[in-house]
Protein backbone atom coordinates (compact mmCIF):
# COMPACT_ATOMS: atom_id res chain seq x y z
CA MET A 1 92.81 199.61 73.09
CA THR A 2 95.29 201.80 71.30
CA ILE A 3 98.45 200.64 69.59
CA VAL A 4 100.57 202.22 72.34
CA GLU A 5 98.62 200.40 75.04
CA GLU A 6 98.95 197.17 73.06
CA ILE A 7 102.75 197.58 72.72
CA ILE A 8 103.09 198.41 76.42
CA GLY A 9 100.99 195.35 77.32
CA LYS A 10 103.12 193.10 75.12
CA ASN A 11 106.29 194.63 76.57
CA LYS A 12 105.01 194.05 80.11
CA LEU A 13 104.43 190.42 79.22
CA ILE A 14 107.86 190.14 77.62
CA LEU A 15 109.43 191.98 80.57
CA ALA A 16 107.66 189.67 83.05
CA LEU A 17 108.79 186.57 81.11
CA LEU A 18 112.34 187.95 80.91
CA CYS A 19 112.37 188.64 84.69
CA ALA A 20 111.05 185.15 85.41
CA TYR A 21 113.73 183.63 83.17
CA ILE A 22 116.53 185.65 84.83
CA TRP A 23 115.19 184.87 88.32
CA GLY A 24 114.96 181.15 87.47
CA SER A 25 118.51 181.17 86.10
CA CYS A 26 119.78 182.84 89.28
CA GLN A 27 117.94 180.28 91.42
CA MET A 28 119.42 177.41 89.42
CA GLN A 29 122.88 178.96 89.80
CA ASN A 30 122.34 179.41 93.57
CA ASN A 31 121.13 175.81 93.93
CA LYS A 32 124.16 174.56 91.99
CA GLN A 33 126.47 176.61 94.22
CA LEU A 34 124.76 175.23 97.33
CA LYS A 35 125.14 171.66 96.06
CA ASP A 36 128.81 172.28 95.23
CA MET A 37 129.52 173.73 98.69
CA PRO A 38 131.31 171.28 100.99
CA LYS A 39 129.11 170.04 103.82
CA TYR A 40 130.09 171.37 107.26
CA GLU A 41 131.20 168.45 109.40
CA GLY A 42 132.70 170.27 112.35
CA ALA A 43 131.42 170.52 115.90
CA ILE A 44 128.03 172.15 116.34
CA ILE A 45 128.45 172.52 120.13
CA THR A 46 131.72 173.13 121.97
CA THR A 47 131.90 173.04 125.76
CA GLN A 48 134.94 174.03 127.79
CA ASN A 49 135.58 172.76 131.33
CA LEU A 50 132.77 170.23 131.11
CA LYS A 51 131.49 168.81 134.40
CA THR A 52 128.47 166.56 134.12
CA ALA A 53 126.82 163.85 136.17
CA PHE A 54 124.93 160.72 135.16
CA SER A 55 122.34 159.61 137.69
CA ASP A 56 119.93 156.76 138.29
CA SER A 57 116.89 157.13 140.54
CA GLY A 58 118.16 160.50 141.71
CA LYS A 59 121.59 159.19 142.76
CA VAL A 60 124.78 160.24 141.00
CA LYS A 61 126.46 157.18 139.48
CA ILE A 62 129.13 158.82 137.30
CA ARG A 63 130.77 162.23 137.12
CA MET A 64 132.54 163.20 133.92
CA GLU A 65 135.05 166.02 133.55
CA ALA A 66 136.79 167.19 130.39
CA PRO A 67 138.64 170.38 129.49
CA LEU A 68 136.97 170.35 126.05
CA GLN A 69 133.94 168.53 124.62
CA GLU A 70 132.84 168.83 121.01
CA GLU A 71 129.46 167.52 119.85
CA PHE A 72 128.62 166.87 116.22
CA ALA A 73 125.33 166.87 114.28
CA ASP A 74 125.09 163.06 114.46
CA GLY A 75 125.30 163.14 118.28
CA ASN A 76 128.88 161.86 118.42
CA GLN A 77 131.21 163.60 120.87
CA VAL A 78 134.98 164.09 121.07
CA PHE A 79 137.10 164.93 124.13
CA ARG A 80 140.36 166.08 122.49
CA LYS A 81 142.04 167.27 125.68
CA GLY A 82 141.31 164.22 127.80
CA VAL A 83 138.55 162.92 130.02
CA VAL A 84 138.07 161.76 133.63
CA LEU A 85 135.19 159.53 134.76
CA ASN A 86 134.51 158.93 138.46
CA PHE A 87 132.15 156.08 139.39
CA TYR A 88 130.08 156.17 142.61
CA ASP A 89 128.33 153.47 144.62
CA GLN A 90 124.92 153.68 146.32
CA TYR A 91 126.55 155.43 149.32
CA HIS A 92 128.03 158.11 147.02
CA GLN A 93 131.55 156.75 147.59
CA ASN A 94 133.95 157.15 144.66
CA TYR A 95 134.96 153.53 144.00
CA ALA A 96 136.53 153.73 140.52
CA ARG A 97 138.16 156.25 138.20
CA LEU A 98 138.99 156.22 134.49
CA THR A 99 141.39 158.75 132.96
CA ALA A 100 142.61 159.12 129.37
CA ASN A 101 144.39 161.61 127.11
CA TYR A 102 141.57 161.51 124.53
CA GLY A 103 138.00 160.28 124.44
CA LYS A 104 135.10 159.92 122.06
CA PHE A 105 131.44 158.88 122.22
CA ASP A 106 129.75 156.98 119.38
CA LYS A 107 126.04 157.69 119.74
CA ALA A 108 124.92 154.91 117.36
CA LYS A 109 126.75 152.30 119.47
CA ASN A 110 126.16 154.09 122.79
CA GLN A 111 129.84 153.50 123.45
CA TYR A 112 132.67 155.62 124.83
CA THR A 113 136.27 155.02 123.77
CA ALA A 114 139.24 156.23 125.82
CA ILE A 115 142.59 156.51 124.02
CA GLY A 116 146.13 157.28 125.15
CA ASN A 117 147.49 156.55 128.62
CA VAL A 118 144.21 155.00 129.75
CA ILE A 119 144.14 154.23 133.48
CA VAL A 120 141.28 152.56 135.34
CA GLN A 121 141.56 152.37 139.12
CA ASN A 122 139.39 150.41 141.53
CA LEU A 123 139.93 152.68 144.52
CA LYS A 124 138.44 150.28 147.08
CA GLU A 125 140.50 147.23 146.08
CA ASN A 126 143.64 149.13 145.06
CA LYS A 127 143.72 147.62 141.54
CA LYS A 128 144.89 149.51 138.45
CA LEU A 129 144.58 148.85 134.72
CA ASN A 130 146.85 150.49 132.15
CA THR A 131 146.25 150.31 128.38
CA GLU A 132 146.29 152.52 125.29
CA GLU A 133 142.64 152.05 124.28
CA LEU A 134 139.55 151.05 126.21
CA HIS A 135 135.84 150.92 125.32
CA TRP A 136 133.01 151.45 127.79
CA THR A 137 129.35 150.68 127.19
CA PRO A 138 127.15 152.35 129.83
CA ALA A 139 124.11 150.21 128.96
CA ASN A 140 125.72 146.97 130.15
CA GLN A 141 128.36 148.61 132.41
CA LYS A 142 131.25 146.79 130.71
CA ILE A 143 134.75 147.88 129.71
CA PHE A 144 136.77 146.02 127.09
CA THR A 145 139.76 146.23 124.76
CA GLN A 146 141.77 144.16 122.33
CA LYS A 147 144.96 146.11 123.14
CA PHE A 148 147.79 145.16 125.50
CA VAL A 149 146.89 145.61 129.20
CA THR A 150 148.75 145.69 132.50
CA ILE A 151 146.83 145.09 135.73
CA THR A 152 148.49 145.93 139.02
CA THR A 153 147.06 144.61 142.29
CA PRO A 154 148.56 144.63 145.81
CA ASP A 155 149.79 141.04 145.17
CA GLU A 156 150.76 140.85 141.51
CA ILE A 157 151.23 142.40 138.09
CA LEU A 158 149.29 140.75 135.25
CA LYS A 159 149.80 141.40 131.55
CA GLY A 160 148.16 140.30 128.34
CA GLU A 161 146.27 141.13 125.17
CA GLY A 162 142.60 142.00 125.43
CA LEU A 163 140.35 142.48 128.43
CA GLU A 164 136.71 142.24 129.45
CA ALA A 165 135.64 143.72 132.79
CA GLN A 166 132.90 145.27 134.88
CA GLN A 167 133.00 149.08 134.78
CA ASP A 168 133.93 149.17 138.49
CA PHE A 169 136.85 146.82 137.71
CA SER A 170 135.67 144.43 140.43
CA PHE A 171 135.75 141.52 137.98
CA TYR A 172 138.00 141.26 134.93
CA LYS A 173 139.28 138.71 132.47
CA ILE A 174 142.46 139.04 130.41
CA LEU A 175 141.73 137.34 127.10
CA ARG A 176 145.32 136.32 126.21
CA PRO A 177 147.44 136.49 129.40
CA THR A 178 151.25 136.58 129.23
CA GLY A 179 154.00 136.28 131.82
CA THR A 180 154.14 134.51 135.15
CA PHE A 181 151.32 134.59 137.67
CA LYS A 182 150.37 133.00 140.92
CA ILE A 183 148.01 130.06 141.06
CA ARG A 184 146.09 129.96 144.29
CA LYS A 185 145.06 126.59 145.58
CA GLN A 186 141.58 126.48 147.00
CA THR A 187 140.93 124.00 149.77
CA LYS A 188 137.60 122.56 150.75
CA ASN A 189 136.49 121.97 154.25
CA LEU A 190 134.90 118.50 154.28
CA GLU A 191 133.15 118.90 157.61
């Protein structure tokens, strides 16, 4: 090996080490920049004019409509422009409706929350619930709130703080009722 070849060989080694050092420095700088970048937390899926159905055994139980749905990486959803839920019985009759100005779904809790001018109507029994916030858990088919509620029936208007009810609004309980209400006397037939 000649001196020239030896110098070129050493320079190749030095050049290779220098390139590796520069490349490693760039990678470290890129990794630092990536770590310093703020994490994206916005919607990963946006749907306009959403119309979806939830079914059980091939029968539609609920239809949901929303002008805008946003879904996030954690599975949570937001309905910024309002939401409408229509509930159906086994005969495909629309028996209840929930409307709200805003809605959200918490995937970890499997719970929907309706906010702002929330109205639940039992269309068969002509009953209506008004509140500013209402939670719905599809798994146990319950609606509930700790907020002030007004329930209007053909016979009376009931008010109070907090509510627990079936999702079809066929049974409900106001947790802290206020105002005046009728007490119905039940009579027994002793025959």
